[in-house]
Amino acid sequence: MAPLIKDSSLPTSIISYANNKLKPRKIQLTNILNSKISNSFKSLSSAVSYITEIDRSSDRSTMRKYINSGKPYRKNWIISEIE
């Protein structure tokens, strides 16, 4: 678990932003063509590794852009963040 930033000299909005950026994102991968390989993960890194195993390649920065966009990544995957 990421450490919380507790610096009273920083504005609350910066502290909140920093704490959210440090938390891993829970990710749901939904395969449009084969629902049996859809899965959820504790982090984006885990999701990237999973897609790499199945599709032989993936790009973390590109996947990040597709989170919650509703657009399919690599024509097969819908990527969403889980609360």
Protein backbone atom coordinates (compact mmCIF):
# COMPACT_ATOMS: atom_id res chain seq x y z
CA MET A 1 0.00 0.00 0.00
CA ALA A 2 1.31 3.45 -0.89
CA PRO A 3 2.21 5.81 1.94
CA LEU A 4 -0.10 8.76 2.44
CA ILE A 5 1.34 12.21 2.01
CA LYS A 6 0.85 14.21 5.18
CA ASP A 7 2.41 17.62 4.72
CA SER A 8 0.33 20.46 6.16
CA SER A 9 2.27 23.00 4.07
CA LEU A 10 0.79 21.59 0.84
CA PRO A 11 -2.69 22.56 -0.38
CA THR A 12 -5.32 19.85 0.16
CA SER A 13 -5.89 19.41 -3.59
CA ILE A 14 -2.22 18.56 -4.17
CA ILE A 15 -2.18 16.07 -1.29
CA SER A 16 -5.35 14.39 -2.57
CA TYR A 17 -3.97 14.21 -6.13
CA ALA A 18 -0.65 12.76 -4.94
CA ASN A 19 -2.35 10.12 -2.80
CA ASN A 20 -4.58 9.03 -5.70
CA LYS A 21 -1.62 8.81 -8.09
CA LEU A 22 0.22 6.52 -5.67
CA LYS A 23 -2.62 4.01 -5.32
CA PRO A 24 -2.63 1.12 -7.79
CA ARG A 25 -5.61 1.12 -10.13
CA LYS A 26 -7.85 -1.94 -10.08
CA ILE A 27 -8.48 -2.85 -13.70
CA GLN A 28 -11.19 -4.88 -15.44
CA LEU A 29 -10.26 -6.30 -18.84
CA THR A 30 -13.23 -7.41 -20.94
CA ASN A 31 -12.48 -9.31 -24.12
CA ILE A 32 -15.13 -8.51 -26.74
CA LEU A 33 -14.54 -11.69 -28.75
CA ASN A 34 -14.05 -14.23 -25.95
CA SER A 35 -15.58 -13.46 -22.56
CA LYS A 36 -13.85 -16.52 -21.03
CA ILE A 37 -10.51 -14.67 -21.04
CA SER A 38 -11.92 -11.49 -19.46
CA ASN A 39 -10.42 -10.85 -16.03
CA SER A 40 -9.85 -8.28 -13.29
CA PHE A 41 -6.49 -7.21 -11.86
CA LYS A 42 -5.07 -5.39 -8.85
CA SER A 43 -2.96 -3.07 -11.00
CA LEU A 44 -2.42 -1.81 -14.53
CA SER A 45 0.94 -3.61 -14.59
CA SER A 46 -0.78 -6.94 -13.96
CA ALA A 47 -3.29 -6.22 -16.74
CA VAL A 48 -0.45 -5.35 -19.14
CA SER A 49 1.29 -8.64 -18.33
CA TYR A 50 -1.93 -10.59 -18.91
CA ILE A 51 -2.57 -9.04 -22.33
CA THR A 52 1.08 -9.61 -23.26
CA GLU A 53 0.67 -13.33 -22.44
CA ILE A 54 -2.42 -13.59 -24.64
CA ASP A 55 -1.70 -11.17 -27.51
CA ARG A 56 2.12 -11.35 -27.41
CA SER A 57 2.42 -7.57 -26.92
CA SER A 58 0.85 -4.60 -25.16
CA ASP A 59 1.78 -1.04 -24.35
CA ARG A 60 1.20 0.33 -20.86
CA SER A 61 1.01 4.00 -21.85
CA THR A 62 -1.47 3.26 -24.64
CA MET A 63 -3.55 1.06 -22.34
CA ARG A 64 -3.69 3.90 -19.81
CA LYS A 65 -5.32 6.10 -22.48
CA TYR A 66 -8.04 3.49 -23.05
CA ILE A 67 -9.10 3.16 -19.40
CA ASN A 68 -12.78 4.11 -19.09
CA SER A 69 -12.87 5.41 -22.69
CA GLY A 70 -15.26 2.72 -23.90
CA LYS A 71 -13.10 2.28 -27.00
CA PRO A 72 -11.61 -1.17 -27.63
CA TYR A 73 -7.87 -1.55 -27.09
CA ARG A 74 -6.29 -3.67 -29.86
CA LYS A 75 -9.83 -4.20 -31.23
CA ASN A 76 -10.52 -6.86 -28.57
CA TRP A 77 -10.30 -5.36 -25.08
CA ILE A 78 -12.43 -2.90 -23.10
CA ILE A 79 -10.39 -1.56 -20.18
CA SER A 80 -12.15 -0.10 -17.14
CA GLU A 81 -11.11 0.98 -13.70
CA ILE A 82 -12.82 -0.75 -10.76
CA GLU A 83 -13.52 1.23 -7.61
